[in-house]
Protein backbone atom coordinates (compact mmCIF):
# COMPACT_ATOMS: atom_id res chain seq x y z
CA MET A 1 -3.51 -151.83 -79.22
CA LYS A 2 -2.16 -148.62 -80.77
CA LYS A 3 -0.10 -149.10 -83.95
CA GLU A 4 1.38 -146.15 -85.82
CA LEU A 5 3.72 -145.74 -88.77
CA LEU A 6 5.46 -142.39 -89.15
CA ILE A 7 6.67 -141.74 -92.69
CA CYS A 8 9.41 -139.13 -92.73
CA SER A 9 12.45 -138.01 -94.74
CA PHE A 10 15.86 -136.40 -94.46
CA GLY A 11 15.19 -134.32 -97.58
CA LEU A 12 17.88 -134.43 -100.26
CA LYS A 13 20.85 -134.46 -97.88
CA PRO A 14 21.44 -134.75 -94.12
CA ALA A 15 21.54 -130.96 -93.68
CA HIS A 16 17.90 -130.84 -94.82
CA VAL A 17 16.48 -133.01 -92.04
CA THR A 18 14.03 -130.96 -89.98
CA ALA A 19 13.93 -130.46 -86.22
CA GLU A 20 10.39 -131.85 -86.31
CA THR A 21 11.57 -135.08 -87.97
CA LEU A 22 14.39 -135.61 -85.47
CA SER A 23 12.07 -134.92 -82.55
CA GLU A 24 9.51 -137.42 -83.86
CA LEU A 25 12.18 -140.08 -84.48
CA LYS A 26 13.16 -139.91 -80.81
CA ARG A 27 9.61 -140.93 -79.90
CA CYS A 28 9.63 -144.01 -82.14
CA ASP A 29 10.42 -147.54 -80.94
CA ALA A 30 12.39 -148.21 -84.14
CA ALA A 31 13.21 -146.64 -87.50
CA TYR A 32 13.55 -148.34 -90.88
CA THR A 33 15.07 -146.93 -94.07
CA HIS A 34 15.37 -148.17 -97.64
CA CYS A 35 17.64 -145.41 -98.95
CA LEU A 36 20.47 -145.22 -96.42
CA ASP A 37 23.16 -147.65 -95.27
CA GLU A 38 25.45 -147.93 -92.24
CA ALA A 39 27.76 -145.18 -93.50
CA THR A 40 25.22 -142.65 -94.77
CA ALA A 41 22.82 -143.06 -91.83
CA ALA A 42 25.31 -141.96 -89.16
CA PHE A 43 23.57 -138.60 -88.74
CA LEU A 44 20.32 -140.34 -87.71
CA ARG A 45 21.67 -142.83 -85.17
CA PRO A 46 21.64 -140.46 -82.15
CA PHE A 47 17.90 -139.94 -82.69
CA CYS A 48 16.84 -143.58 -83.18
CA ARG A 49 16.47 -146.27 -80.53
CA GLU A 50 16.87 -148.86 -83.28
CA LEU A 51 17.79 -148.32 -86.92
CA HIS A 52 17.18 -151.04 -89.51
CA PHE A 53 18.18 -151.07 -93.19
CA LEU A 54 15.87 -152.27 -95.96
CA ARG A 55 17.91 -151.51 -99.08
CA ASP A 56 17.10 -153.43 -102.27
CA LEU A 57 13.77 -154.73 -100.94
CA THR A 58 10.54 -154.39 -102.90
CA PRO A 59 7.78 -152.17 -101.46
CA ALA A 60 5.80 -155.33 -100.62
CA LYS A 61 8.68 -156.79 -98.61
CA ILE A 62 9.35 -153.46 -96.88
CA ALA A 63 5.68 -153.26 -95.90
CA GLY A 64 5.85 -156.85 -94.64
CA ARG A 65 8.76 -156.01 -92.31
CA LEU A 66 6.95 -152.96 -90.96
CA ILE A 67 3.68 -154.81 -90.47
CA SER A 68 5.50 -157.60 -88.63
CA ARG A 69 7.09 -155.12 -86.21
CA LEU A 70 3.79 -153.28 -85.71
CA SER A 71 2.04 -156.54 -84.78
CA ARG A 72 3.49 -155.95 -81.30
CA GLY A 73 1.96 -152.48 -81.21
CA GLY A 74 3.86 -149.25 -80.76
CA ARG A 75 5.20 -146.59 -83.07
CA ILE A 76 7.83 -146.98 -85.79
CA ALA A 77 9.24 -144.75 -88.52
CA PHE A 78 9.97 -145.31 -92.19
CA VAL A 79 12.68 -142.91 -93.40
CA THR A 80 12.79 -142.06 -97.10
CA TYR A 81 14.21 -139.15 -99.16
CA GLY A 82 12.81 -135.94 -100.65
CA ASN A 83 9.20 -135.15 -99.94
CA PRO A 84 7.88 -138.54 -98.73
CA LEU A 85 4.92 -138.57 -101.13
CA PHE A 86 6.22 -136.60 -104.13
CA LEU A 87 6.88 -139.04 -107.00
CA ASN A 88 7.75 -141.75 -104.47
CA VAL A 89 6.14 -145.01 -105.55
CA THR A 90 7.76 -146.97 -102.72
CA THR A 91 6.26 -144.77 -100.02
CA ARG A 92 2.82 -144.82 -101.59
CA ARG A 93 2.73 -148.61 -101.77
CA VAL A 94 4.19 -149.10 -98.29
CA ALA A 95 1.72 -146.64 -96.74
CA SER A 96 -1.20 -148.34 -98.49
CA ARG A 97 -0.27 -151.84 -97.30
CA VAL A 98 0.53 -150.81 -93.73
CA GLY A 99 -2.66 -148.78 -93.49
CA ALA A 100 -4.71 -151.70 -94.82
CA ALA A 101 -3.15 -153.86 -92.08
CA GLY A 102 -4.75 -151.65 -89.44
CA ALA A 103 -2.02 -149.18 -88.48
CA ASP A 104 -2.37 -145.42 -88.37
CA VAL A 105 -0.12 -143.76 -90.97
CA ARG A 106 1.18 -140.21 -90.61
CA VAL A 107 3.44 -138.35 -93.04
CA LEU A 108 5.79 -135.46 -92.21
CA GLU A 109 6.79 -132.71 -94.63
CA ALA A 110 10.35 -132.53 -95.98
CA VAL A 111 12.51 -130.80 -98.58
CA SER A 112 11.81 -132.19 -102.05
CA SER A 113 13.49 -132.08 -105.45
CA LEU A 114 10.90 -129.48 -106.43
CA ASP A 115 12.23 -127.14 -103.72
CA ALA A 116 15.75 -127.55 -105.07
CA LEU A 117 14.65 -127.06 -108.68
CA VAL A 118 12.88 -123.80 -107.89
CA ASN A 119 16.19 -122.41 -106.60
CA ALA A 120 18.49 -124.00 -109.18
CA LEU A 121 16.37 -122.81 -112.11
CA ASP A 122 15.51 -119.45 -110.51
CA LEU A 123 11.78 -120.07 -110.82
CA ASN A 124 10.95 -116.91 -108.91
CA ARG A 125 8.33 -116.03 -111.48
CA PHE A 126 6.48 -118.35 -113.83
CA SER A 127 5.33 -117.79 -117.37
CA VAL A 128 1.95 -116.18 -117.88
CA GLY A 129 0.51 -119.67 -118.34
CA GLY A 130 1.95 -120.86 -115.01
CA LEU A 131 4.08 -123.87 -114.10
CA ARG A 132 3.13 -127.43 -115.06
CA LEU A 133 4.52 -130.66 -113.55
CA VAL A 134 4.58 -133.86 -115.60
CA ASP A 135 5.63 -137.34 -114.41
CA LEU A 136 6.97 -139.03 -117.55
CA SER A 137 7.04 -142.43 -115.82
CA ALA A 138 3.26 -142.24 -115.38
CA CYS A 139 2.51 -141.37 -119.01
CA ASP A 140 1.16 -144.40 -120.87
CA CYS A 141 0.94 -142.26 -123.97
CA LEU A 142 2.51 -139.04 -125.23
CA PRO A 143 2.02 -136.31 -122.58
CA GLU A 144 0.26 -133.17 -123.69
CA ILE A 145 2.72 -130.45 -124.72
CA THR A 146 1.75 -126.99 -123.45
CA PRO A 147 4.19 -124.44 -124.92
CA GLY A 148 2.47 -121.55 -123.16
CA MET A 149 3.50 -122.90 -119.75
CA ASP A 150 6.80 -123.44 -117.97
CA THR A 151 7.04 -127.23 -117.67
CA LEU A 152 9.02 -129.59 -115.44
CA PHE A 153 9.15 -133.12 -116.87
CA PHE A 154 10.12 -135.43 -113.99
CA MET A 155 11.68 -138.91 -114.43
CA ALA A 156 13.31 -137.90 -117.72
CA SER A 157 15.67 -140.89 -117.53
CA ASP A 158 12.75 -143.24 -118.19
CA LEU A 159 12.90 -142.07 -121.80
CA ASN A 160 16.24 -143.88 -122.07
CA LEU A 161 14.77 -147.27 -121.17
CA PRO A 162 14.55 -149.73 -124.09
CA ALA A 163 10.78 -150.03 -123.62
CA TYR A 164 10.45 -146.26 -124.05
CA ALA A 165 12.41 -145.99 -127.32
CA ARG A 166 9.34 -145.13 -129.43
CA ALA A 167 7.94 -142.90 -126.70
CA ARG A 168 11.22 -140.95 -126.61
CA GLN A 169 11.11 -140.37 -130.37
CA ARG A 170 7.48 -139.24 -130.24
CA PHE A 171 8.13 -136.99 -127.25
CA LEU A 172 11.13 -135.27 -128.83
CA ALA A 173 9.24 -134.86 -132.12
CA ALA A 174 6.31 -133.29 -130.27
CA LEU A 175 8.64 -130.79 -128.58
CA LEU A 176 10.19 -129.85 -131.92
CA ALA A 177 6.74 -129.31 -133.37
CA ALA A 178 5.70 -127.06 -130.48
CA TYR A 179 8.86 -124.97 -129.92
CA PRO A 180 11.54 -123.32 -132.09
CA PRO A 181 14.58 -125.65 -132.44
CA GLY A 182 16.78 -123.31 -130.39
CA HIS A 183 14.29 -122.97 -127.55
CA ARG A 184 15.93 -123.45 -124.16
CA ALA A 185 15.75 -126.81 -122.39
CA VAL A 186 17.59 -127.71 -119.18
CA LEU A 187 18.40 -131.12 -117.70
CA ALA A 188 18.58 -130.53 -113.94
CA ASP A 189 19.87 -133.04 -111.37
CA CYS A 190 18.85 -132.84 -107.70
CA ASP A 191 20.29 -136.08 -106.37
CA ASN A 192 20.69 -137.23 -102.78
CA PHE A 193 24.14 -136.54 -101.28
CA ARG A 194 25.50 -135.31 -104.63
CA GLN A 195 26.20 -131.87 -106.06
CA GLY A 196 23.41 -130.63 -108.31
CA ARG A 197 23.96 -130.25 -112.03
CA LEU A 198 22.39 -128.09 -114.72
CA LEU A 199 22.96 -129.13 -118.32
CA GLU A 200 21.89 -126.34 -120.67
CA SER A 201 20.47 -127.67 -123.90
CA SER A 202 17.85 -126.83 -126.52
CA VAL A 203 14.80 -128.56 -127.91
CA LYS A 204 16.85 -129.57 -130.94
CA LYS A 205 19.87 -130.82 -128.93
CA LEU A 206 17.73 -132.89 -126.56
CA GLY A 207 17.89 -135.78 -129.03
CA SER A 208 21.46 -136.43 -127.86
CA ASP A 209 21.50 -134.69 -124.46
CA ILE A 210 18.52 -136.62 -123.06
CA ARG A 211 20.73 -139.72 -123.01
CA LYS A 212 22.78 -138.05 -120.24
CA ALA A 213 19.75 -138.01 -117.93
CA GLY A 214 20.07 -139.97 -114.70
CA VAL A 215 17.47 -141.23 -112.24
CA ALA A 216 17.37 -137.83 -110.51
CA THR A 217 17.16 -135.73 -113.69
CA THR A 218 14.27 -133.39 -114.42
CA LEU A 219 13.77 -131.73 -117.79
CA PHE A 220 12.77 -128.06 -117.66
CA VAL A 221 11.30 -126.37 -120.72
CA PRO A 222 10.30 -122.72 -120.18
CA GLY A 223 7.13 -121.44 -121.76
CA LEU A 224 7.12 -119.50 -125.00
CA PRO A 225 6.62 -115.77 -124.48
CA ALA A 226 3.18 -114.61 -125.52
CA ALA A 227 3.12 -112.87 -128.87
CA PRO A 228 2.50 -109.11 -128.51
CA ALA A 229 -1.06 -108.14 -129.26
CA LYS A 230 -1.58 -106.42 -132.59
CA LYS A 231 -2.58 -102.79 -132.37
CA LYS A 232 -5.93 -102.01 -133.88
CA LYS A 233 -5.91 -99.47 -136.67
CA PRO A 234 -7.84 -96.33 -135.79
CA SER A 235 -11.18 -96.15 -137.54
CA ALA A 236 -11.53 -93.62 -140.32
């Protein structure tokens, strides 16, 4: 008996949903979402035979609902936001459990926060050292600071959690040790359904500005320009 879970996304807002995603949703027996409700899911209804809402459920309970429906066989969809696998713990855990239960799991591409950040921050060209991505929520210790690279620190709001108080102090101190105090730092928001926001700051000002970070805030610190090479003196 064929059982398939399609993991897909509407991107960051309804206008981002792809023609491929809508076409695939039409072929599903039912669709489930953990990030939309009756009001915000209106744009999906014409493409779904059934649409079920799983807000406020843990990944384990979401997986349980999907596995229960798939026990009859068929094809269902799980609709999330952003790129389905990029920094999405819920999707990773749901996919793992459903796959372990014997269903085929397929993931479709979608617009992610990284796509939006590239445009918002005009990352048309990177520093000589390249671009580095860091997930602060996954750092059990102080992440390595690489001043020669442009760096996007995702999940910046985790630094405001009480459990991260010491980590925040160590992180900010490490930035101050690696960059000049006035070096540019930007807190960028790419939230679902909301207007983006760029808060210009500096390495020194981050001590207070980081507290304004929300769940969709990414910290961007551009790389330090390489020092010009010293000219060799002509030999006598």
